[in-house]
Amino acid sequence: MNKHWIIRAVLGIMLGLGAFVWGHSQSLVFTASQSKVDLHDMRAEIGRLTGQNPQLALSSNPYKYTENNQVFDRIVGYGYEALPLIEKEMTKGDTYGLEKDILAIAAERIAKLT
C-alpha cells in the first residue's frame, strides 16, 4: 500500500513538472514570436524611410515601401514561421492600408509567390 502511494506521488510530481515545463516553454515561444511582427517597428521604419526620401511618402505603390526596409527584411527572414503572425496582424482592427499591404508583400515573399 505504501509503495503504491509513493509511486503515485512520484508520477504526479513528474506529470505536474512536465505540464509546467511544457506550458512555460509554449508561453516563451508565443512571447518571443509575437515580437517578430511588430507594427510599431514597421511604422517607425516607414517614418525613417520617408524622412530620408520625402518623395516616397507620395508613392501609392506599397512595393516601394519594402525597398531598403530593414523591418520588412527581418520579417521575411523569419520565413514560414512568420506567416501565422502576419495573418494575425493583418486581421487585427488596428492594422491599416499600407501596413496590411506591406505584410501581404512579406507573406508573398515568404511563400515565394513573387
C-alpha atoms as a PDB file:
ATOM      1  CA  MET A   1       0.000   0.000   0.000  1.00  0.00           C
ATOM      2  CA  ASN A   2       2.752   2.408   0.949  1.00  0.00           C
ATOM      3  CA  LYS A   3       4.703   1.530  -2.215  1.00  0.00           C
ATOM      4  CA  HIS A   4       1.705   2.369  -4.453  1.00  0.00           C
ATOM      5  CA  TRP A   5       1.260   5.718  -2.738  1.00  0.00           C
ATOM      6  CA  ILE A   6       4.910   6.637  -3.336  1.00  0.00           C
ATOM      7  CA  ILE A   7       4.707   5.613  -6.994  1.00  0.00           C
ATOM      8  CA  ARG A   8       1.547   7.685  -7.478  1.00  0.00           C
ATOM      9  CA  ALA A   9       3.134  10.673  -5.751  1.00  0.00           C
ATOM     10  CA  VAL A  10       6.267  10.479  -7.889  1.00  0.00           C
ATOM     11  CA  LEU A  11       4.216  10.098 -11.085  1.00  0.00           C
ATOM     12  CA  GLY A  12       2.016  13.033 -10.060  1.00  0.00           C
ATOM     13  CA  ILE A  13       5.039  15.230  -9.429  1.00  0.00           C
ATOM     14  CA  MET A  14       6.597  14.221 -12.750  1.00  0.00           C
ATOM     15  CA  LEU A  15       3.355  14.890 -14.592  1.00  0.00           C
ATOM     16  CA  GLY A  16       2.985  18.255 -12.866  1.00  0.00           C
ATOM     17  CA  LEU A  17       6.554  19.282 -13.677  1.00  0.00           C
ATOM     18  CA  GLY A  18       6.140  18.130 -17.265  1.00  0.00           C
ATOM     19  CA  ALA A  19       2.977  20.180 -17.671  1.00  0.00           C
ATOM     20  CA  PHE A  20       4.660  23.211 -16.106  1.00  0.00           C
ATOM     21  CA  VAL A  21       7.715  22.981 -18.359  1.00  0.00           C
ATOM     22  CA  TRP A  22       5.594  22.442 -21.475  1.00  0.00           C
ATOM     23  CA  GLY A  23       3.280  25.345 -20.639  1.00  0.00           C
ATOM     24  CA  HIS A  24       6.178  27.621 -19.782  1.00  0.00           C
ATOM     25  CA  SER A  25       8.046  26.800 -22.996  1.00  0.00           C
ATOM     26  CA  GLN A  26       4.891  27.421 -25.059  1.00  0.00           C
ATOM     27  CA  SER A  27       4.398  30.841 -23.481  1.00  0.00           C
ATOM     28  CA  LEU A  28       8.032  31.731 -24.145  1.00  0.00           C
ATOM     29  CA  VAL A  29       7.672  30.757 -27.793  1.00  0.00           C
ATOM     30  CA  PHE A  30       4.459  32.779 -28.088  1.00  0.00           C
ATOM     31  CA  THR A  31       6.013  35.811 -26.418  1.00  0.00           C
ATOM     32  CA  ALA A  32       9.163  35.626 -28.495  1.00  0.00           C
ATOM     33  CA  SER A  33       7.290  35.115 -31.753  1.00  0.00           C
ATOM     34  CA  GLN A  34       4.904  37.998 -31.122  1.00  0.00           C
ATOM     35  CA  SER A  35       7.797  40.428 -31.191  1.00  0.00           C
ATOM     36  CA  LYS A  36       8.805  39.209 -34.669  1.00  0.00           C
ATOM     37  CA  VAL A  37       5.965  41.007 -36.425  1.00  0.00           C
ATOM     38  CA  ASP A  38       5.816  44.336 -34.649  1.00  0.00           C
ATOM     39  CA  LEU A  39       3.838  47.046 -36.373  1.00  0.00           C
ATOM     40  CA  HIS A  40       5.352  49.719 -34.138  1.00  0.00           C
ATOM     41  CA  ASP A  41       8.745  48.890 -35.637  1.00  0.00           C
ATOM     42  CA  MET A  42       7.205  48.903 -39.112  1.00  0.00           C
ATOM     43  CA  ARG A  43       5.645  52.350 -38.568  1.00  0.00           C
ATOM     44  CA  ALA A  44       8.957  53.693 -37.278  1.00  0.00           C
ATOM     45  CA  GLU A  45      10.818  52.237 -40.264  1.00  0.00           C
ATOM     46  CA  ILE A  46       8.331  53.782 -42.702  1.00  0.00           C
ATOM     47  CA  GLY A  47       8.830  57.102 -40.908  1.00  0.00           C
ATOM     48  CA  ARG A  48      12.600  56.732 -41.246  1.00  0.00           C
ATOM     49  CA  LEU A  49      12.362  55.870 -44.937  1.00  0.00           C
ATOM     50  CA  THR A  50      10.004  58.746 -45.769  1.00  0.00           C
ATOM     51  CA  GLY A  51      12.227  61.092 -43.753  1.00  0.00           C
ATOM     52  CA  GLN A  52      15.189  60.101 -45.903  1.00  0.00           C
ATOM     53  CA  ASN A  53      13.153  60.262 -49.118  1.00  0.00           C
ATOM     54  CA  PRO A  54      10.126  62.611 -48.932  1.00  0.00           C
ATOM     55  CA  GLN A  55       9.076  61.515 -52.449  1.00  0.00           C
ATOM     56  CA  LEU A  56       8.420  58.039 -51.052  1.00  0.00           C
ATOM     57  CA  ALA A  57       5.609  59.449 -48.914  1.00  0.00           C
ATOM     58  CA  LEU A  58       3.849  60.463 -52.138  1.00  0.00           C
ATOM     59  CA  SER A  59       4.024  56.965 -53.617  1.00  0.00           C
ATOM     60  CA  SER A  60       0.910  54.827 -53.704  1.00  0.00           C
ATOM     61  CA  ASN A  61       2.975  51.741 -54.590  1.00  0.00           C
ATOM     62  CA  PRO A  62       3.393  49.635 -51.428  1.00  0.00           C
ATOM     63  CA  TYR A  63       6.287  47.726 -53.029  1.00  0.00           C
ATOM     64  CA  LYS A  64       8.325  50.955 -52.884  1.00  0.00           C
ATOM     65  CA  TYR A  65       7.999  50.917 -49.083  1.00  0.00           C
ATOM     66  CA  THR A  66       9.600  47.474 -48.924  1.00  0.00           C
ATOM     67  CA  GLU A  67      12.808  48.628 -50.624  1.00  0.00           C
ATOM     68  CA  ASN A  68      15.636  49.146 -48.090  1.00  0.00           C
ATOM     69  CA  ASN A  69      13.120  48.455 -45.305  1.00  0.00           C
ATOM     70  CA  GLN A  70      15.040  46.694 -42.523  1.00  0.00           C
ATOM     71  CA  VAL A  71      11.926  45.642 -40.602  1.00  0.00           C
ATOM     72  CA  PHE A  72      10.356  44.171 -43.741  1.00  0.00           C
ATOM     73  CA  ASP A  73      13.565  42.257 -44.475  1.00  0.00           C
ATOM     74  CA  ARG A  74      13.665  40.967 -40.900  1.00  0.00           C
ATOM     75  CA  ILE A  75      10.060  39.714 -41.095  1.00  0.00           C
ATOM     76  CA  VAL A  76      10.699  37.993 -44.427  1.00  0.00           C
ATOM     77  CA  GLY A  77      13.861  36.491 -42.949  1.00  0.00           C
ATOM     78  CA  TYR A  78      11.824  34.610 -40.345  1.00  0.00           C
ATOM     79  CA  GLY A  79      10.352  32.514 -43.147  1.00  0.00           C
ATOM     80  CA  TYR A  80       7.287  30.325 -42.822  1.00  0.00           C
ATOM     81  CA  GLU A  81       7.242  30.732 -39.050  1.00  0.00           C
ATOM     82  CA  ALA A  82       6.126  34.340 -39.539  1.00  0.00           C
ATOM     83  CA  LEU A  83       3.092  33.558 -41.727  1.00  0.00           C
ATOM     84  CA  PRO A  84       0.609  32.904 -38.879  1.00  0.00           C
ATOM     85  CA  LEU A  85       1.863  36.041 -37.146  1.00  0.00           C
ATOM     86  CA  ILE A  86       1.444  38.077 -40.324  1.00  0.00           C
ATOM     87  CA  GLU A  87      -2.098  36.774 -40.671  1.00  0.00           C
ATOM     88  CA  LYS A  88      -2.836  37.659 -37.058  1.00  0.00           C
ATOM     89  CA  GLU A  89      -1.558  41.214 -37.515  1.00  0.00           C
ATOM     90  CA  MET A  90      -3.447  41.668 -40.775  1.00  0.00           C
ATOM     91  CA  THR A  91      -6.763  40.654 -39.214  1.00  0.00           C
ATOM     92  CA  LYS A  92      -6.425  42.925 -36.201  1.00  0.00           C
ATOM     93  CA  GLY A  93      -8.546  46.041 -36.261  1.00  0.00           C
ATOM     94  CA  ASP A  94      -5.628  48.434 -35.745  1.00  0.00           C
ATOM     95  CA  THR A  95      -3.781  47.492 -38.945  1.00  0.00           C
ATOM     96  CA  TYR A  96      -4.425  49.830 -41.858  1.00  0.00           C
ATOM     97  CA  GLY A  97      -3.914  50.029 -45.617  1.00  0.00           C
ATOM     98  CA  LEU A  98      -0.180  50.446 -46.135  1.00  0.00           C
ATOM     99  CA  GLU A  99       0.705  48.223 -43.180  1.00  0.00           C
ATOM    100  CA  LYS A 100      -1.558  45.447 -44.459  1.00  0.00           C
ATOM    101  CA  ASP A 101      -0.109  45.827 -47.937  1.00  0.00           C
ATOM    102  CA  ILE A 102       3.452  45.540 -46.640  1.00  0.00           C
ATOM    103  CA  LEU A 103       2.554  42.486 -44.546  1.00  0.00           C
ATOM    104  CA  ALA A 104       0.863  40.904 -47.573  1.00  0.00           C
ATOM    105  CA  ILE A 105       4.002  41.526 -49.622  1.00  0.00           C
ATOM    106  CA  ALA A 106       6.069  39.911 -46.861  1.00  0.00           C
ATOM    107  CA  ALA A 107       3.771  36.870 -46.970  1.00  0.00           C
ATOM    108  CA  GLU A 108       4.168  36.754 -50.768  1.00  0.00           C
ATOM    109  CA  ARG A 109       7.945  36.794 -50.472  1.00  0.00           C
ATOM    110  CA  ILE A 110       7.988  34.141 -47.749  1.00  0.00           C
ATOM    111  CA  ALA A 111       5.700  31.884 -49.788  1.00  0.00           C
ATOM    112  CA  LYS A 112       7.822  32.681 -52.858  1.00  0.00           C
ATOM    113  CA  LEU A 113       4.834  33.911 -54.857  1.00  0.00           C
ATOM    114  CA  THR A 114       6.812  36.862 -56.236  1.00  0.00           C
END
